[in-house]
Amino acid sequence: MHIHTLGNVLPDNQHQIKTWLQHLKQHADSNPMPLMPPIEALSELVKQDKELLLLSEQMFNTSQQTQSPQLSSLVIQSFDEFLVLLNVVMTQAPVYIRSNDMVTDALNPAGFVGLPINALLAASITSSASHSFFSNLLVTQQFKKILNYWSVYLASEASRDVLVKRASIPP
């Protein structure tokens, strides 16, 4: 099944994105950590702005969602969960995930979500409230800080843990 994803920057296969998101949620549950400074700043910004707070609540209210068939199974339950998942992304380089195939019980590629923040946004932008929230100038300015923060991590040696050395092939 071909699924159009936002901006054509995510895998076409919804299963790939769903598997990646489930993997991210499991990692977040297993490794709780305090919010990174720019994510904490976004959280505080939302708490201090009544309009943003209302939008953040509405955008994760399932009765408000458009329930796009492509994204309905990817819905994030709350703004707090979104922040926790975004926080995990700040400490991970994009990774290729393998998943168990329930039918064949074999490991199959789940794909590569090269732009993890886009996958989180695609799973979150399912209502008019989310469009208004993410269009807000203060939110976009804070997201720029979040992306800059992540870029520092991606440029560091710590982000290279997902790279593997190619096995040498005997002559």
N, C-alpha and C. Protein backbone atom coordinates (compact mmCIF):
# COMPACT_ATOMS: atom_id res chain seq x y z
N MET A 1 0.85 -1.17 0.00
CA MET A 1 0.00 0.00 0.00
C MET A 1 0.89 1.23 0.00
N HIS A 2 0.64 2.14 -0.91
CA HIS A 2 1.38 3.39 -1.00
C HIS A 2 0.67 4.45 -0.15
N ILE A 3 1.42 5.07 0.73
CA ILE A 3 0.86 6.11 1.59
C ILE A 3 1.66 7.38 1.38
N HIS A 4 0.97 8.46 1.08
CA HIS A 4 1.65 9.75 0.94
C HIS A 4 1.96 10.26 2.33
N THR A 5 3.23 10.53 2.58
CA THR A 5 3.62 11.06 3.88
C THR A 5 4.00 12.52 3.72
N LEU A 6 3.91 13.26 4.78
CA LEU A 6 4.14 14.70 4.76
C LEU A 6 5.47 15.03 4.10
N GLY A 7 5.41 15.78 3.03
CA GLY A 7 6.61 16.25 2.36
C GLY A 7 7.42 15.18 1.67
N ASN A 8 6.92 13.97 1.59
CA ASN A 8 7.64 12.86 0.98
C ASN A 8 9.02 12.65 1.59
N VAL A 9 9.15 12.87 2.89
CA VAL A 9 10.44 12.70 3.55
C VAL A 9 10.45 11.50 4.49
N LEU A 10 9.36 10.75 4.50
CA LEU A 10 9.27 9.56 5.35
C LEU A 10 9.01 8.34 4.47
N PRO A 11 9.28 7.15 5.00
CA PRO A 11 8.98 5.96 4.21
C PRO A 11 7.51 5.92 3.79
N ASP A 12 7.25 5.38 2.61
CA ASP A 12 5.87 5.27 2.14
C ASP A 12 5.09 4.23 2.93
N ASN A 13 5.77 3.27 3.49
CA ASN A 13 5.14 2.17 4.20
C ASN A 13 4.82 2.59 5.63
N GLN A 14 3.53 2.65 5.96
CA GLN A 14 3.11 3.05 7.29
C GLN A 14 3.67 2.11 8.36
N HIS A 15 3.81 0.83 8.03
CA HIS A 15 4.34 -0.15 8.98
C HIS A 15 5.74 0.26 9.44
N GLN A 16 6.54 0.80 8.53
CA GLN A 16 7.89 1.23 8.89
C GLN A 16 7.84 2.34 9.94
N ILE A 17 6.99 3.31 9.72
CA ILE A 17 6.89 4.43 10.66
C ILE A 17 6.32 3.96 11.99
N LYS A 18 5.30 3.12 11.93
CA LYS A 18 4.67 2.60 13.15
C LYS A 18 5.68 1.78 13.96
N THR A 19 6.46 0.94 13.30
CA THR A 19 7.47 0.14 13.99
C THR A 19 8.50 1.04 14.64
N TRP A 20 8.93 2.06 13.90
CA TRP A 20 9.91 2.99 14.45
C TRP A 20 9.35 3.70 15.68
N LEU A 21 8.10 4.16 15.59
CA LEU A 21 7.48 4.86 16.70
C LEU A 21 7.32 3.95 17.92
N GLN A 22 6.95 2.70 17.71
CA GLN A 22 6.83 1.74 18.82
C GLN A 22 8.19 1.52 19.47
N HIS A 23 9.23 1.41 18.64
CA HIS A 23 10.59 1.24 19.15
C HIS A 23 10.99 2.45 19.99
N LEU A 24 10.65 3.64 19.51
CA LEU A 24 10.97 4.87 20.23
C LEU A 24 10.23 4.93 21.57
N LYS A 25 8.95 4.55 21.57
CA LYS A 25 8.17 4.54 22.82
C LYS A 25 8.75 3.54 23.82
N GLN A 26 9.14 2.36 23.35
CA GLN A 26 9.75 1.36 24.24
C GLN A 26 11.05 1.89 24.83
N HIS A 27 11.85 2.54 24.00
CA HIS A 27 13.11 3.10 24.49
C HIS A 27 12.84 4.18 25.54
N ALA A 28 11.86 5.03 25.30
CA ALA A 28 11.52 6.09 26.25
C ALA A 28 11.04 5.51 27.58
N ASP A 29 10.21 4.47 27.51
CA ASP A 29 9.71 3.83 28.73
C ASP A 29 10.83 3.16 29.52
N SER A 30 11.78 2.57 28.81
CA SER A 30 12.88 1.83 29.46
C SER A 30 13.99 2.74 29.95
N ASN A 31 14.08 3.94 29.42
CA ASN A 31 15.18 4.84 29.74
C ASN A 31 14.68 6.24 30.06
N PRO A 32 13.93 6.40 31.15
CA PRO A 32 13.43 7.75 31.46
C PRO A 32 14.58 8.71 31.75
N MET A 33 14.43 9.93 31.27
CA MET A 33 15.47 10.93 31.51
C MET A 33 14.84 12.32 31.54
N PRO A 34 15.50 13.26 32.19
CA PRO A 34 14.96 14.63 32.22
C PRO A 34 14.94 15.23 30.81
N LEU A 35 14.03 16.16 30.58
CA LEU A 35 13.95 16.81 29.29
C LEU A 35 15.20 17.64 29.02
N MET A 36 15.67 17.59 27.78
CA MET A 36 16.81 18.39 27.36
C MET A 36 16.41 19.88 27.46
N PRO A 37 17.38 20.77 27.66
CA PRO A 37 17.04 22.19 27.89
C PRO A 37 16.09 22.81 26.85
N PRO A 38 16.29 22.63 25.54
CA PRO A 38 15.35 23.31 24.63
C PRO A 38 13.95 22.67 24.64
N ILE A 39 13.86 21.40 24.99
CA ILE A 39 12.54 20.76 25.08
C ILE A 39 11.85 21.19 26.36
N GLU A 40 12.61 21.31 27.42
CA GLU A 40 12.06 21.85 28.67
C GLU A 40 11.58 23.28 28.45
N ALA A 41 12.31 24.05 27.66
CA ALA A 41 11.90 25.43 27.36
C ALA A 41 10.60 25.45 26.57
N LEU A 42 10.43 24.51 25.63
CA LEU A 42 9.16 24.41 24.89
C LEU A 42 8.03 24.06 25.85
N SER A 43 8.28 23.13 26.75
CA SER A 43 7.27 22.75 27.74
C SER A 43 6.85 23.96 28.58
N GLU A 44 7.82 24.73 29.04
CA GLU A 44 7.53 25.91 29.85
C GLU A 44 6.80 26.98 29.04
N LEU A 45 7.21 27.15 27.79
CA LEU A 45 6.53 28.11 26.91
C LEU A 45 5.05 27.77 26.79
N VAL A 46 4.75 26.51 26.59
CA VAL A 46 3.37 26.07 26.43
C VAL A 46 2.59 26.25 27.73
N LYS A 47 3.21 25.91 28.85
CA LYS A 47 2.53 26.05 30.14
C LYS A 47 2.21 27.51 30.47
N GLN A 48 3.04 28.44 29.99
CA GLN A 48 2.87 29.85 30.31
C GLN A 48 1.97 30.61 29.34
N ASP A 49 1.64 29.98 28.22
CA ASP A 49 0.82 30.64 27.19
C ASP A 49 -0.52 29.91 27.11
N LYS A 50 -1.60 30.57 27.54
CA LYS A 50 -2.91 29.91 27.60
C LYS A 50 -3.36 29.37 26.25
N GLU A 51 -3.12 30.13 25.19
CA GLU A 51 -3.53 29.68 23.85
C GLU A 51 -2.75 28.42 23.43
N LEU A 52 -1.42 28.44 23.65
CA LEU A 52 -0.61 27.27 23.29
C LEU A 52 -0.97 26.06 24.15
N LEU A 53 -1.25 26.30 25.41
CA LEU A 53 -1.65 25.21 26.30
C LEU A 53 -2.94 24.57 25.81
N LEU A 54 -3.91 25.39 25.47
CA LEU A 54 -5.19 24.87 24.96
C LEU A 54 -4.96 24.09 23.65
N LEU A 55 -4.18 24.65 22.73
CA LEU A 55 -3.90 23.96 21.47
C LEU A 55 -3.17 22.63 21.71
N SER A 56 -2.22 22.64 22.65
CA SER A 56 -1.46 21.41 22.93
C SER A 56 -2.37 20.31 23.49
N GLU A 57 -3.37 20.71 24.25
CA GLU A 57 -4.33 19.73 24.77
C GLU A 57 -5.27 19.25 23.67
N GLN A 58 -5.75 20.18 22.84
CA GLN A 58 -6.68 19.83 21.78
C GLN A 58 -6.03 18.96 20.70
N MET A 59 -4.77 19.20 20.41
CA MET A 59 -4.16 18.46 19.31
C MET A 59 -3.95 16.99 19.62
N PHE A 60 -3.97 16.63 20.87
CA PHE A 60 -3.82 15.22 21.23
C PHE A 60 -5.11 14.62 21.76
N ASN A 61 -6.19 15.38 21.68
CA ASN A 61 -7.50 14.89 22.08
C ASN A 61 -8.05 14.08 20.91
N THR A 62 -8.21 12.77 21.08
CA THR A 62 -8.59 11.91 19.97
C THR A 62 -9.93 12.28 19.36
N SER A 63 -10.82 12.91 20.11
CA SER A 63 -12.09 13.31 19.53
C SER A 63 -11.92 14.49 18.58
N GLN A 64 -10.81 15.23 18.70
CA GLN A 64 -10.54 16.38 17.84
C GLN A 64 -9.78 15.98 16.57
N GLN A 65 -9.21 14.79 16.53
CA GLN A 65 -8.35 14.41 15.42
C GLN A 65 -9.14 14.09 14.17
N THR A 66 -8.49 14.31 13.05
CA THR A 66 -9.12 14.03 11.77
C THR A 66 -9.09 12.54 11.46
N GLN A 67 -8.30 11.80 12.20
CA GLN A 67 -8.18 10.35 12.03
C GLN A 67 -7.87 9.98 10.58
N SER A 68 -6.85 10.61 10.03
CA SER A 68 -6.35 10.23 8.72
C SER A 68 -6.01 8.75 8.76
N PRO A 69 -6.48 7.95 7.79
CA PRO A 69 -6.20 6.52 7.83
C PRO A 69 -4.70 6.23 7.82
N GLN A 70 -3.92 7.11 7.20
CA GLN A 70 -2.48 6.89 7.15
C GLN A 70 -1.83 7.05 8.52
N LEU A 71 -2.38 7.92 9.35
CA LEU A 71 -1.72 8.26 10.60
C LEU A 71 -2.49 7.82 11.84
N SER A 72 -3.67 7.26 11.68
CA SER A 72 -4.52 6.98 12.83
C SER A 72 -3.85 6.03 13.82
N SER A 73 -3.06 5.09 13.36
CA SER A 73 -2.42 4.15 14.29
C SER A 73 -1.13 4.72 14.87
N LEU A 74 -0.75 5.91 14.44
CA LEU A 74 0.50 6.51 14.91
C LEU A 74 0.27 7.59 15.94
N VAL A 75 -0.96 7.81 16.32
CA VAL A 75 -1.31 8.93 17.17
C VAL A 75 -0.57 8.85 18.51
N ILE A 76 -0.03 9.98 18.88
CA ILE A 76 0.62 10.13 20.18
C ILE A 76 -0.46 10.63 21.13
N GLN A 77 -0.47 10.12 22.34
CA GLN A 77 -1.59 10.34 23.25
C GLN A 77 -1.65 11.71 23.91
N SER A 78 -0.51 12.36 24.12
CA SER A 78 -0.53 13.64 24.83
C SER A 78 0.69 14.48 24.44
N PHE A 79 0.60 15.76 24.76
CA PHE A 79 1.73 16.64 24.51
C PHE A 79 2.93 16.22 25.34
N ASP A 80 2.69 15.79 26.57
CA ASP A 80 3.79 15.32 27.41
C ASP A 80 4.49 14.11 26.79
N GLU A 81 3.69 13.18 26.22
CA GLU A 81 4.30 12.03 25.55
C GLU A 81 5.10 12.48 24.33
N PHE A 82 4.57 13.43 23.59
CA PHE A 82 5.30 13.98 22.45
C PHE A 82 6.65 14.53 22.89
N LEU A 83 6.67 15.29 23.99
CA LEU A 83 7.92 15.87 24.49
C LEU A 83 8.91 14.79 24.92
N VAL A 84 8.41 13.75 25.57
CA VAL A 84 9.29 12.65 26.00
C VAL A 84 9.90 11.96 24.78
N LEU A 85 9.09 11.71 23.75
CA LEU A 85 9.59 11.06 22.54
C LEU A 85 10.57 11.97 21.80
N LEU A 86 10.27 13.24 21.75
CA LEU A 86 11.18 14.20 21.13
C LEU A 86 12.50 14.22 21.90
N ASN A 87 12.42 14.12 23.20
CA ASN A 87 13.60 14.09 24.05
C ASN A 87 14.48 12.89 23.72
N VAL A 88 13.88 11.74 23.49
CA VAL A 88 14.64 10.55 23.13
C VAL A 88 15.36 10.76 21.79
N VAL A 89 14.67 11.38 20.85
CA VAL A 89 15.28 11.64 19.54
C VAL A 89 16.55 12.47 19.70
N MET A 90 16.58 13.36 20.68
CA MET A 90 17.75 14.22 20.89
C MET A 90 19.00 13.44 21.25
N THR A 91 18.83 12.19 21.65
CA THR A 91 19.98 11.37 22.07
C THR A 91 20.20 10.18 21.15
N GLN A 92 19.61 10.23 19.96
CA GLN A 92 19.75 9.12 19.02
C GLN A 92 20.02 9.64 17.63
N ALA A 93 20.89 8.95 16.93
CA ALA A 93 21.06 9.20 15.51
C ALA A 93 20.02 8.35 14.78
N PRO A 94 19.64 8.73 13.57
CA PRO A 94 18.70 7.89 12.81
C PRO A 94 19.24 6.47 12.69
N VAL A 95 18.38 5.50 12.93
CA VAL A 95 18.82 4.11 12.96
C VAL A 95 17.91 3.25 12.09
N TYR A 96 18.48 2.20 11.54
CA TYR A 96 17.73 1.23 10.76
C TYR A 96 17.23 0.17 11.73
N ILE A 97 15.93 -0.07 11.77
CA ILE A 97 15.33 -0.98 12.75
C ILE A 97 14.85 -2.24 12.04
N ARG A 98 15.04 -3.36 12.70
CA ARG A 98 14.50 -4.63 12.20
C ARG A 98 13.37 -5.02 13.15
N SER A 99 12.34 -5.66 12.58
CA SER A 99 11.20 -6.04 13.42
C SER A 99 10.83 -7.49 13.16
N ASN A 100 10.13 -8.07 14.12
CA ASN A 100 9.63 -9.43 13.96
C ASN A 100 8.39 -9.43 13.10
N ASP A 101 8.35 -10.33 12.12
CA ASP A 101 7.17 -10.51 11.28
C ASP A 101 6.31 -11.55 11.97
N MET A 102 5.12 -11.15 12.38
CA MET A 102 4.23 -12.05 13.12
C MET A 102 3.84 -13.28 12.28
N VAL A 103 3.77 -13.12 10.97
CA VAL A 103 3.34 -14.22 10.11
C VAL A 103 4.43 -15.26 9.93
N THR A 104 5.64 -14.79 9.60
CA THR A 104 6.72 -15.74 9.31
C THR A 104 7.67 -15.94 10.48
N ASP A 105 7.51 -15.15 11.53
CA ASP A 105 8.39 -15.20 12.69
C ASP A 105 9.85 -14.98 12.32
N ALA A 106 10.08 -14.16 11.31
CA ALA A 106 11.43 -13.84 10.87
C ALA A 106 11.69 -12.36 11.10
N LEU A 107 12.97 -12.02 11.20
CA LEU A 107 13.33 -10.62 11.31
C LEU A 107 13.30 -10.00 9.93
N ASN A 108 12.58 -8.93 9.79
CA ASN A 108 12.48 -8.24 8.52
C ASN A 108 12.84 -6.78 8.72
N PRO A 109 13.34 -6.14 7.67
CA PRO A 109 13.63 -4.71 7.80
C PRO A 109 12.37 -3.93 8.10
N ALA A 110 12.44 -3.06 9.08
CA ALA A 110 11.31 -2.18 9.37
C ALA A 110 11.56 -0.84 8.71
N GLY A 111 12.73 -0.67 8.19
CA GLY A 111 13.01 0.53 7.44
C GLY A 111 13.84 1.53 8.19
N PHE A 112 14.04 2.62 7.52
CA PHE A 112 14.89 3.67 8.00
C PHE A 112 14.08 4.96 8.01
N VAL A 113 13.92 5.53 9.19
CA VAL A 113 13.24 6.81 9.31
C VAL A 113 14.36 7.84 9.47
N GLY A 114 14.80 8.37 8.34
CA GLY A 114 15.97 9.25 8.32
C GLY A 114 15.75 10.59 9.00
N LEU A 115 14.52 11.02 9.08
CA LEU A 115 14.19 12.29 9.73
C LEU A 115 13.21 12.02 10.87
N PRO A 116 13.72 11.53 12.00
CA PRO A 116 12.84 11.13 13.10
C PRO A 116 11.90 12.22 13.59
N ILE A 117 12.36 13.46 13.62
CA ILE A 117 11.47 14.52 14.09
C ILE A 117 10.28 14.66 13.15
N ASN A 118 10.50 14.47 11.85
CA ASN A 118 9.39 14.53 10.91
C ASN A 118 8.39 13.41 11.18
N ALA A 119 8.88 12.23 11.55
CA ALA A 119 7.97 11.13 11.87
C ALA A 119 7.13 11.46 13.10
N LEU A 120 7.74 12.08 14.10
CA LEU A 120 6.97 12.50 15.29
C LEU A 120 5.94 13.55 14.92
N LEU A 121 6.33 14.49 14.09
CA LEU A 121 5.38 15.53 13.67
C LEU A 121 4.25 14.93 12.85
N ALA A 122 4.57 14.01 11.95
CA ALA A 122 3.53 13.37 11.13
C ALA A 122 2.54 12.63 12.02
N ALA A 123 3.03 12.03 13.10
CA ALA A 123 2.15 11.31 14.02
C ALA A 123 1.38 12.26 14.92
N SER A 124 1.81 13.50 15.00
CA SER A 124 1.18 14.47 15.91
C SER A 124 0.26 15.45 15.21
N ILE A 125 0.54 15.76 13.97
CA ILE A 125 -0.25 16.77 13.26
C ILE A 125 -1.44 16.09 12.61
N THR A 126 -2.46 15.87 13.41
CA THR A 126 -3.66 15.18 12.93
C THR A 126 -4.93 15.99 13.16
N SER A 127 -4.78 17.24 13.53
CA SER A 127 -5.97 18.07 13.79
C SER A 127 -5.67 19.52 13.42
N SER A 128 -6.71 20.31 13.33
CA SER A 128 -6.51 21.74 13.04
C SER A 128 -5.78 22.42 14.20
N ALA A 129 -6.00 21.94 15.42
CA ALA A 129 -5.30 22.51 16.57
C ALA A 129 -3.79 22.29 16.45
N SER A 130 -3.39 21.12 15.96
CA SER A 130 -1.95 20.86 15.82
C SER A 130 -1.34 21.74 14.74
N HIS A 131 -2.08 21.98 13.67
CA HIS A 131 -1.58 22.89 12.63
C HIS A 131 -1.40 24.29 13.20
N SER A 132 -2.35 24.75 13.99
CA SER A 132 -2.25 26.08 14.61
C SER A 132 -1.08 26.12 15.59
N PHE A 133 -0.92 25.06 16.37
CA PHE A 133 0.15 25.01 17.36
C PHE A 133 1.51 25.10 16.68
N PHE A 134 1.74 24.23 15.69
CA PHE A 134 3.05 24.18 15.06
C PHE A 134 3.30 25.34 14.09
N SER A 135 2.27 26.13 13.80
CA SER A 135 2.43 27.34 12.98
C SER A 135 2.73 28.57 13.82
N ASN A 136 2.59 28.45 15.12
CA ASN A 136 2.82 29.58 16.03
C ASN A 136 4.30 29.99 15.97
N LEU A 137 4.56 31.27 15.82
CA LEU A 137 5.92 31.78 15.70
C LEU A 137 6.79 31.40 16.90
N LEU A 138 6.26 31.49 18.11
CA LEU A 138 7.04 31.14 19.30
C LEU A 138 7.42 29.65 19.29
N VAL A 139 6.51 28.81 18.83
CA VAL A 139 6.79 27.37 18.76
C VAL A 139 7.84 27.09 17.69
N THR A 140 7.70 27.73 16.53
CA THR A 140 8.69 27.49 15.47
C THR A 140 10.08 28.00 15.89
N GLN A 141 10.13 29.11 16.61
CA GLN A 141 11.42 29.59 17.10
C GLN A 141 12.03 28.60 18.09
N GLN A 142 11.19 28.02 18.93
CA GLN A 142 11.70 27.04 19.89
C GLN A 142 12.13 25.76 19.17
N PHE A 143 11.40 25.38 18.13
CA PHE A 143 11.79 24.19 17.37
C PHE A 143 13.13 24.40 16.68
N LYS A 144 13.40 25.62 16.26
CA LYS A 144 14.72 25.90 15.67
C LYS A 144 15.81 25.63 16.71
N LYS A 145 15.58 26.03 17.94
CA LYS A 145 16.55 25.76 19.02
C LYS A 145 16.69 24.25 19.26
N ILE A 146 15.57 23.54 19.20
CA ILE A 146 15.60 22.08 19.39
C ILE A 146 16.41 21.43 18.27
N LEU A 147 16.17 21.85 17.03
CA LEU A 147 16.92 21.29 15.90
C LEU A 147 18.40 21.62 15.99
N ASN A 148 18.74 22.83 16.41
CA ASN A 148 20.15 23.19 16.60
C ASN A 148 20.79 22.34 17.69
N TYR A 149 20.05 22.08 18.75
CA TYR A 149 20.53 21.23 19.83
C TYR A 149 20.82 19.82 19.32
N TRP A 150 19.90 19.29 18.54
CA TRP A 150 20.07 17.94 17.98
C TRP A 150 21.25 17.91 17.01
N SER A 151 21.45 18.98 16.25
CA SER A 151 22.56 19.01 15.29
C SER A 151 23.90 18.91 16.00
N VAL A 152 24.01 19.50 17.20
CA VAL A 152 25.25 19.38 17.98
C VAL A 152 25.49 17.92 18.34
N TYR A 153 24.43 17.23 18.77
CA TYR A 153 24.56 15.81 19.08
C TYR A 153 24.96 15.01 17.84
N LEU A 154 24.29 15.28 16.72
CA LEU A 154 24.57 14.52 15.50
C LEU A 154 25.99 14.72 15.00
N ALA A 155 26.59 15.87 15.30
CA ALA A 155 27.97 16.14 14.90
C ALA A 155 28.98 15.53 15.88
N SER A 156 28.49 15.03 17.00
CA SER A 156 29.40 14.48 18.02
C SER A 156 29.71 13.01 17.77
N GLU A 157 30.74 12.56 18.42
CA GLU A 157 31.12 11.15 18.31
C GLU A 157 30.04 10.23 18.89
N ALA A 158 29.30 10.71 19.86
CA ALA A 158 28.25 9.88 20.49
C ALA A 158 27.20 9.43 19.49
N SER A 159 26.97 10.22 18.44
CA SER A 159 25.94 9.86 17.46
C SER A 159 26.38 8.75 16.52
N ARG A 160 27.62 8.38 16.57
CA ARG A 160 28.14 7.39 15.63
C ARG A 160 27.92 5.95 16.08
N ASP A 161 27.24 5.75 17.19
CA ASP A 161 27.02 4.39 17.69
C ASP A 161 26.13 3.56 16.78
N VAL A 162 25.41 4.19 15.88
CA VAL A 162 24.55 3.43 14.95
C VAL A 162 25.29 2.97 13.71
N LEU A 163 26.50 3.47 13.54
CA LEU A 163 27.29 3.08 12.38
C LEU A 163 27.99 1.75 12.65
N VAL A 164 28.08 0.93 11.67
CA VAL A 164 28.78 -0.34 11.82
C VAL A 164 29.88 -0.43 10.78
N LYS A 165 30.95 -1.12 11.16
CA LYS A 165 32.03 -1.32 10.22
C LYS A 165 31.66 -2.46 9.31
N ARG A 166 32.00 -2.34 8.09
CA ARG A 166 31.73 -3.36 7.10
C ARG A 166 32.58 -4.59 7.40
N ALA A 167 31.97 -5.75 7.38
CA ALA A 167 32.73 -6.99 7.60
C ALA A 167 33.73 -7.15 6.47
N SER A 168 34.94 -7.52 6.82
CA SER A 168 35.95 -7.70 5.78
C SER A 168 35.66 -9.00 5.03
N ILE A 169 35.82 -8.94 3.75
CA ILE A 169 35.56 -10.10 2.90
C ILE A 169 36.89 -10.75 2.57
N PRO A 170 37.04 -12.04 2.89
CA PRO A 170 38.32 -12.69 2.61
C PRO A 170 38.60 -12.70 1.10
N PRO A 171 39.90 -12.58 0.72
CA PRO A 171 40.24 -12.54 -0.70
C PRO A 171 39.91 -13.82 -1.42
